[in-house]
Structure formats: structure tokens, C-alpha cells
Protein backbone atom coordinates (compact mmCIF):
# COMPACT_ATOMS: atom_id res chain seq x y z
CA MET A 1 -147.54 160.53 26.33
CA TYR A 2 -149.30 163.07 24.12
CA ALA A 3 -147.50 165.57 21.88
CA ALA A 4 -148.22 169.25 22.51
CA SER A 5 -151.20 169.67 20.17
CA SER A 6 -152.89 166.51 21.48
CA ARG A 7 -152.34 167.59 25.10
CA GLU A 8 -153.97 170.92 24.31
CA ALA A 9 -156.88 169.19 22.56
CA LEU A 10 -157.42 166.83 25.49
CA GLU A 11 -157.36 169.61 28.07
CA GLY A 12 -159.94 171.55 26.07
CA ALA A 13 -162.14 168.46 25.81
CA ARG A 14 -161.85 167.85 29.56
CA VAL A 15 -163.09 171.35 30.36
CA GLU A 16 -165.96 170.86 27.92
CA LEU A 17 -166.86 167.51 29.48
CA GLU A 18 -166.98 168.87 33.02
CA THR A 19 -169.26 171.69 31.85
CA ALA A 20 -171.54 169.32 29.92
CA LEU A 21 -171.89 166.89 32.84
CA ARG A 22 -173.21 169.64 35.11
CA GLY A 23 -176.37 169.62 33.04
CA VAL A 24 -177.15 165.90 33.25
CA THR A 25 -179.32 164.19 35.82
CA GLY A 26 -179.65 160.81 37.48
CA THR A 27 -177.16 158.24 36.28
CA ASP A 28 -176.74 159.81 32.84
CA ASP A 29 -173.13 160.71 33.65
CA ILE A 30 -172.33 157.02 34.18
CA ALA A 31 -173.99 156.13 30.87
CA ILE A 32 -172.05 158.88 29.12
CA GLY A 33 -168.78 157.62 30.58
CA GLU A 34 -169.42 154.08 29.39
CA GLU A 35 -170.52 155.29 25.95
CA LEU A 36 -167.37 157.38 25.53
CA MET A 37 -165.22 154.37 26.39
CA THR A 38 -167.17 152.18 23.97
CA VAL A 39 -166.75 154.75 21.19
CA ALA A 40 -163.04 154.94 22.03
CA ASP A 41 -162.78 151.16 21.62
CA THR A 42 -164.57 151.31 18.26
CA VAL A 43 -162.46 154.22 16.97
CA GLY A 44 -159.28 152.51 18.11
CA SER A 45 -160.09 149.27 16.28
CA ASP A 46 -161.71 150.70 13.11
CA ARG A 47 -159.02 152.28 10.95
CA ALA A 48 -161.45 153.81 8.44
CA LEU A 49 -163.52 155.46 11.17
CA ARG A 50 -160.40 156.63 13.01
CA THR A 51 -159.11 158.28 9.84
CA ALA A 52 -162.47 159.91 9.13
CA LEU A 53 -162.60 161.39 12.63
CA ALA A 54 -158.98 162.40 13.16
CA ASP A 55 -157.34 163.05 9.77
CA SER A 56 -156.01 166.62 9.97
CA SER A 57 -156.15 166.93 6.17
CA THR A 58 -159.95 166.99 6.48
CA SER A 59 -161.70 170.11 7.79
CA PRO A 60 -162.76 170.14 11.48
CA ASP A 61 -166.39 170.64 10.50
CA ALA A 62 -166.29 167.62 8.20
CA ARG A 63 -164.81 165.41 10.92
CA ALA A 64 -167.40 166.60 13.42
CA ALA A 65 -170.16 165.92 10.90
CA VAL A 66 -169.00 162.31 10.52
CA ALA A 67 -169.16 161.80 14.28
CA THR A 68 -172.63 163.33 14.44
CA ALA A 69 -173.91 161.19 11.59
CA VAL A 70 -172.51 157.97 13.04
CA LEU A 71 -173.73 158.52 16.61
CA THR A 72 -177.05 160.35 16.31
CA GLY A 73 -179.82 158.28 17.87
CA LYS A 74 -177.37 155.71 19.26
CA VAL A 75 -175.90 157.47 22.29
CA HIS A 76 -176.69 160.25 24.75
CA ASP A 77 -176.64 163.73 23.22
CA VAL A 78 -173.70 164.70 25.45
CA THR A 79 -171.72 161.70 24.22
CA ARG A 80 -172.44 162.54 20.60
CA ASN A 81 -171.53 166.19 21.07
CA MET A 82 -168.33 165.35 22.97
CA VAL A 83 -167.14 162.97 20.25
CA ALA A 84 -167.99 165.49 17.51
CA SER A 85 -166.19 168.25 19.36
CA ALA A 86 -163.17 166.03 20.00
CA ALA A 87 -163.04 165.05 16.32
CA ALA A 88 -162.96 168.73 15.37
CA ARG A 89 -159.87 169.31 17.51
CA HIS A 90 -156.31 168.89 16.24
CA TRP A 91 -154.57 165.66 17.26
CA SER A 92 -150.88 164.99 16.69
CA ARG A 93 -151.60 161.37 15.72
CA ASP A 94 -154.80 159.64 14.67
CA GLY A 95 -154.54 157.21 17.58
CA ASP A 96 -154.55 160.05 20.11
CA LEU A 97 -158.27 160.65 19.51
CA ALA A 98 -159.20 157.14 20.66
CA ARG A 99 -156.93 157.43 23.70
CA ALA A 100 -158.47 160.80 24.55
CA LEU A 101 -162.04 159.48 24.28
CA GLN A 102 -161.05 156.64 26.60
CA ALA A 103 -159.64 159.15 29.10
CA LEU A 104 -162.80 161.27 28.87
CA GLY A 105 -164.97 158.22 29.52
CA ARG A 106 -162.96 157.34 32.60
CA GLU A 107 -163.20 160.90 33.86
CA ALA A 108 -166.95 160.99 33.35
CA LEU A 109 -167.31 157.90 35.57
CA LEU A 110 -164.99 159.36 38.21
CA LEU A 111 -166.87 162.66 38.19
CA ALA A 112 -170.09 160.67 38.70
CA ALA A 113 -168.50 158.98 41.72
CA LYS A 114 -167.36 162.36 43.03
CA ARG A 115 -170.85 163.82 42.67
CA GLU A 116 -172.20 160.95 44.78
CA GLY A 117 -169.45 161.19 47.41
CA ARG A 118 -167.94 157.82 46.46
CA LEU A 119 -164.68 158.91 44.85
CA ASP A 120 -162.46 158.19 47.88
CA VAL A 121 -163.79 154.63 47.94
CA VAL A 122 -163.31 154.17 44.19
CA GLU A 123 -159.75 155.48 44.33
CA ALA A 124 -158.80 153.17 47.20
CA GLU A 125 -160.42 150.16 45.56
CA LEU A 126 -158.63 150.78 42.27
CA PHE A 127 -155.28 151.04 44.05
CA ARG A 128 -155.86 147.84 46.01
CA LEU A 129 -156.98 146.05 42.86
CA ALA A 130 -153.91 147.25 40.96
CA SER A 131 -151.67 145.97 43.76
CA LEU A 132 -153.45 142.60 43.85
CA VAL A 133 -153.10 142.15 40.09
CA LYS A 134 -149.43 143.21 40.04
CA ASP A 135 -148.63 140.87 42.92
CA ASN A 136 -150.07 137.90 41.01
CA PRO A 137 -148.18 137.71 37.68
CA ALA A 138 -149.98 134.56 36.51
CA PHE A 139 -153.38 136.19 37.05
CA GLU A 140 -152.26 139.41 35.33
CA LEU A 141 -150.97 137.40 32.38
CA ALA A 142 -154.32 135.62 32.10
CA LEU A 143 -156.18 138.94 32.17
CA SER A 144 -153.99 140.37 29.40
CA ASP A 145 -153.99 137.25 27.22
CA ARG A 146 -155.65 138.38 23.98
CA SER A 147 -155.97 134.76 22.83
CA ARG A 148 -158.72 134.47 25.46
CA SER A 149 -162.13 135.88 24.61
CA ARG A 150 -163.27 139.09 26.25
CA GLU A 151 -166.01 137.17 28.02
CA ASP A 152 -163.45 134.74 29.44
CA ARG A 153 -161.29 137.58 30.76
CA ARG A 154 -164.36 139.37 32.09
CA THR A 155 -165.28 136.21 34.01
CA LEU A 156 -161.77 135.98 35.48
CA LEU A 157 -161.98 139.56 36.72
CA ALA A 158 -165.53 139.08 38.02
CA GLY A 159 -164.27 136.25 40.18
CA LEU A 160 -162.03 138.75 41.94
CA ILE A 161 -164.24 141.84 42.19
CA GLY A 162 -167.80 140.88 41.22
CA GLY A 163 -170.19 142.38 43.80
CA LYS A 164 -167.27 143.30 46.08
CA VAL A 165 -166.46 146.83 44.88
CA ASP A 166 -168.24 150.04 43.96
CA ASP A 167 -170.12 149.91 40.66
CA VAL A 168 -167.88 152.65 39.19
CA THR A 169 -164.76 150.74 40.25
CA GLU A 170 -166.04 147.62 38.53
CA ARG A 171 -166.92 149.43 35.30
CA LEU A 172 -163.52 151.12 35.14
CA ALA A 173 -161.67 147.91 35.94
CA VAL A 174 -163.52 145.89 33.31
CA GLN A 175 -162.82 148.52 30.67
CA ALA A 176 -159.14 148.75 31.60
CA VAL A 177 -158.67 144.98 31.41
CA LEU A 178 -160.75 144.23 28.31
CA VAL A 179 -159.90 147.23 26.15
CA GLY A 180 -156.72 148.86 27.42
CA HIS A 181 -153.35 148.14 25.78
CA GLN A 182 -151.36 148.50 29.01
CA ALA A 183 -150.63 145.71 31.44
CA PRO A 184 -153.80 145.42 33.58
CA GLY A 185 -152.01 146.38 36.81
CA ASP A 186 -150.50 149.49 35.24
CA ALA A 187 -153.84 150.50 33.71
CA LEU A 188 -155.59 150.17 37.06
CA ASP A 189 -152.82 152.12 38.76
CA GLU A 190 -153.17 154.89 36.19
CA ILE A 191 -156.93 155.15 36.73
CA SER A 192 -156.38 155.23 40.50
CA GLY A 193 -154.06 158.21 39.96
CA LEU A 194 -156.70 159.84 37.77
CA ALA A 195 -159.21 159.37 40.59
CA ALA A 196 -156.88 161.18 42.99
CA ALA A 197 -156.40 164.01 40.50
CA THR A 198 -160.18 164.28 40.07
CA ASN A 199 -160.33 164.71 43.84
CA GLY A 200 -157.77 167.52 43.67
CA ARG A 201 -154.95 165.40 45.07
CA LYS A 202 -151.56 164.24 43.89
CA VAL A 203 -150.51 160.62 44.15
CA ALA A 204 -147.22 159.73 45.81
CA TYR A 205 -146.01 156.24 44.89
CA VAL A 206 -143.97 155.22 47.93
CA THR A 207 -141.67 152.22 48.01
CA SER A 208 -140.62 151.35 51.55
CA ALA A 209 -138.19 148.80 52.97
CA GLY A 210 -140.85 147.79 55.51
CA GLU A 211 -144.39 148.49 56.61
CA LEU A 212 -145.12 152.11 57.55
CA SER A 213 -147.13 152.80 60.69
CA ALA A 214 -150.22 154.99 60.56
CA LYS A 215 -148.21 157.79 62.17
CA GLN A 216 -145.40 157.45 59.62
CA ARG A 217 -147.88 157.53 56.73
CA THR A 218 -149.57 160.64 58.14
CA GLU A 219 -146.26 162.45 58.67
CA LEU A 220 -144.99 161.52 55.21
CA ALA A 221 -148.23 162.65 53.55
CA GLN A 222 -148.06 165.97 55.42
CA LYS A 223 -144.43 166.57 54.38
CA LEU A 224 -145.16 165.76 50.75
CA SER A 225 -148.26 167.97 50.79
CA ARG A 226 -146.07 170.89 51.87
CA ILE A 227 -143.45 170.10 49.22
CA PHE A 228 -145.95 169.82 46.37
CA ASP A 229 -148.44 172.40 47.69
CA ALA A 230 -151.40 170.02 47.30
CA PRO A 231 -153.07 167.21 49.26
CA VAL A 232 -151.21 163.95 48.66
CA THR A 233 -152.48 160.37 48.62
CA LEU A 234 -149.93 157.67 49.43
CA HIS A 235 -149.75 154.44 47.48
CA VAL A 236 -147.27 152.31 49.41
CA GLU A 237 -145.44 149.17 48.25
CA ILE A 238 -142.86 147.14 50.18
CA ASP A 239 -139.40 146.32 48.81
CA PRO A 240 -136.96 144.83 51.37
CA GLU A 241 -134.07 145.37 48.95
CA LEU A 242 -134.14 149.07 49.84
CA LEU A 243 -132.67 148.04 53.23
CA GLY A 244 -134.24 151.05 54.93
CA GLY A 245 -135.97 154.37 54.21
CA VAL A 246 -138.32 155.12 51.33
CA VAL A 247 -138.34 156.09 47.66
CA VAL A 248 -141.11 158.49 46.62
CA ARG A 249 -142.34 159.28 43.12
CA VAL A 250 -144.83 162.08 42.45
CA GLY A 251 -145.36 162.65 38.75
CA ASP A 252 -141.91 163.08 37.22
CA GLU A 253 -140.30 163.90 40.58
CA ARG A 254 -138.35 161.19 42.40
CA ILE A 255 -137.07 161.43 45.96
CA ASP A 256 -134.72 158.62 47.03
CA GLY A 257 -134.34 158.46 50.80
CA SER A 258 -133.54 154.76 50.93
CA ILE A 259 -130.36 153.27 52.35
CA ALA A 260 -129.78 151.44 49.08
CA GLY A 261 -130.08 154.72 47.20
CA LYS A 262 -127.65 156.47 49.52
CA LEU A 263 -125.14 153.62 49.18
CA ALA A 264 -125.44 153.77 45.40
CA ALA A 265 -124.85 157.54 45.48
CA LEU A 266 -121.82 157.06 47.74
CA ARG A 267 -120.36 154.47 45.37
CA ARG A 268 -120.79 156.87 42.45
CA ASP A 269 -119.07 159.67 44.37
CA MET A 270 -116.12 157.41 45.14
CA GLN A 271 -115.51 156.40 41.54
């Protein structure tokens, strides 16, 4: 989670990115997204550069000038300008700048998919991939094993998704697995949620005691859309230990309609 000043800086950078991407053509937005994620990786791993770009004791103009000097002629002008602008903003912690650049890179790729009408597909693929990885602990452990080379982990992931998913999905998945510091399944889940948000939807993480029919999914999505006043995408997982009913999480909100949850509440009331 970001502290207040970093959240404000990131939101400002997001607005700036969306505006900047409206002026690019072709596949430049995809290139910009990948460049931002690459810069994020470099900033995150290079302490001297991270300090030069994010140290609040240095003037914003000086930090922006460092970014411009380092990146000029090496990346797209939009990438360079976004990094310089981000460096000039106030971040609560030095590490927040790298995390923000990573988030901006992901959003640039998702906005590219949205522009081409592929965002629904990308979101669904990311969710399915996250579920597959989480359901296979040995595979997830192999993907997150930093004693393996990046190329080795890239090859492992390619065996699962290579040529089988949208190009944007693959780029985001590779970046999440090779660079991210979260468990791969969690990172993929997070990007899937970001894809839904980019599409103007909220994500409801639903845990059900059993499979939900198409009608049940539709009715649940409609009810949640009314509750949260926004279109809702369901991400459903099965947990027989719930005994019956569902547990729903949307952001920080949690709705427990499971039998296990009701029994637990009853036991607490009786104590």
C-alpha cells in the first residue's frame, strides 16, 4: 500500500499517462508500457539511480533532469517524459517510485488492449492464469525461485502460455513473474483486477462452496453491481469447507453469506 503522498503522486501520473497515450499511434503504447516496466526494474535494483530520482531532499527539477539525461535517446519520448515527471513528484519512500513506474507500465499495456477492443480477453486470461498458477504450488514455487535464471523462469512460463494467449497478456505475465516481488499468482491476480478497473468495472472475488451456474453468476453480478453502483466482474473459486453459500470480497468490503460463516457468527454470539 502507498502512503498518502505516494498515492497522490501515482494518481497524478496516471492522469498524465492517459493523456499522453492519446497522442501516440500504432503500437507505440505497447512499447511505452514495456519501457516503463523495464525502467521500473532498473530503478528498483539500482540504489544510486533510485536515490537520484526519488530523494525528496533534492529539488524536483534536479530529479527530473537526471531522468531526462539518463533516458534521452534510449526510449520513446513519452516514456522519458513520464519518468521525468514521476521523478519530480513527491514519494513517501524511494521504493514507491519504482512500484509506481511498474504500475504505469502495466496500465499502458492495458490501455493499449482497451484501444484495440481486447481488454475483456486479457482480463479473463490473466484471471485464468492466476488461478492455474495458484492451484499448482510446485509450479508457482518454480516460477518464483530466484535461484533460477530469468531465462529459465521465462521458459517455464512460456511452456504454459506461449502462443496461447493475447500478446498483452503474455507481456504482462512475463513481467509479473520475472520482475515482481509478489507470489506469481497474486501478481497475476492483481493485474487482472487492474484490467477490470481499466474497463470501468470492479472485481468481486467470490469463494463458493460449489460450482455456480450461469444463472447464479449473472444474478450475483447484478446484485453486486447494484450494491457497489458499478459493473462487477466475478472471479470465482471453489472451497467446499464453506459448506454452502458464498463469501464475496470487493476491495476492502467483505460479505460472508456462507454457512460456515454463519455458524462461526452463531458460535461467537453464544459465547
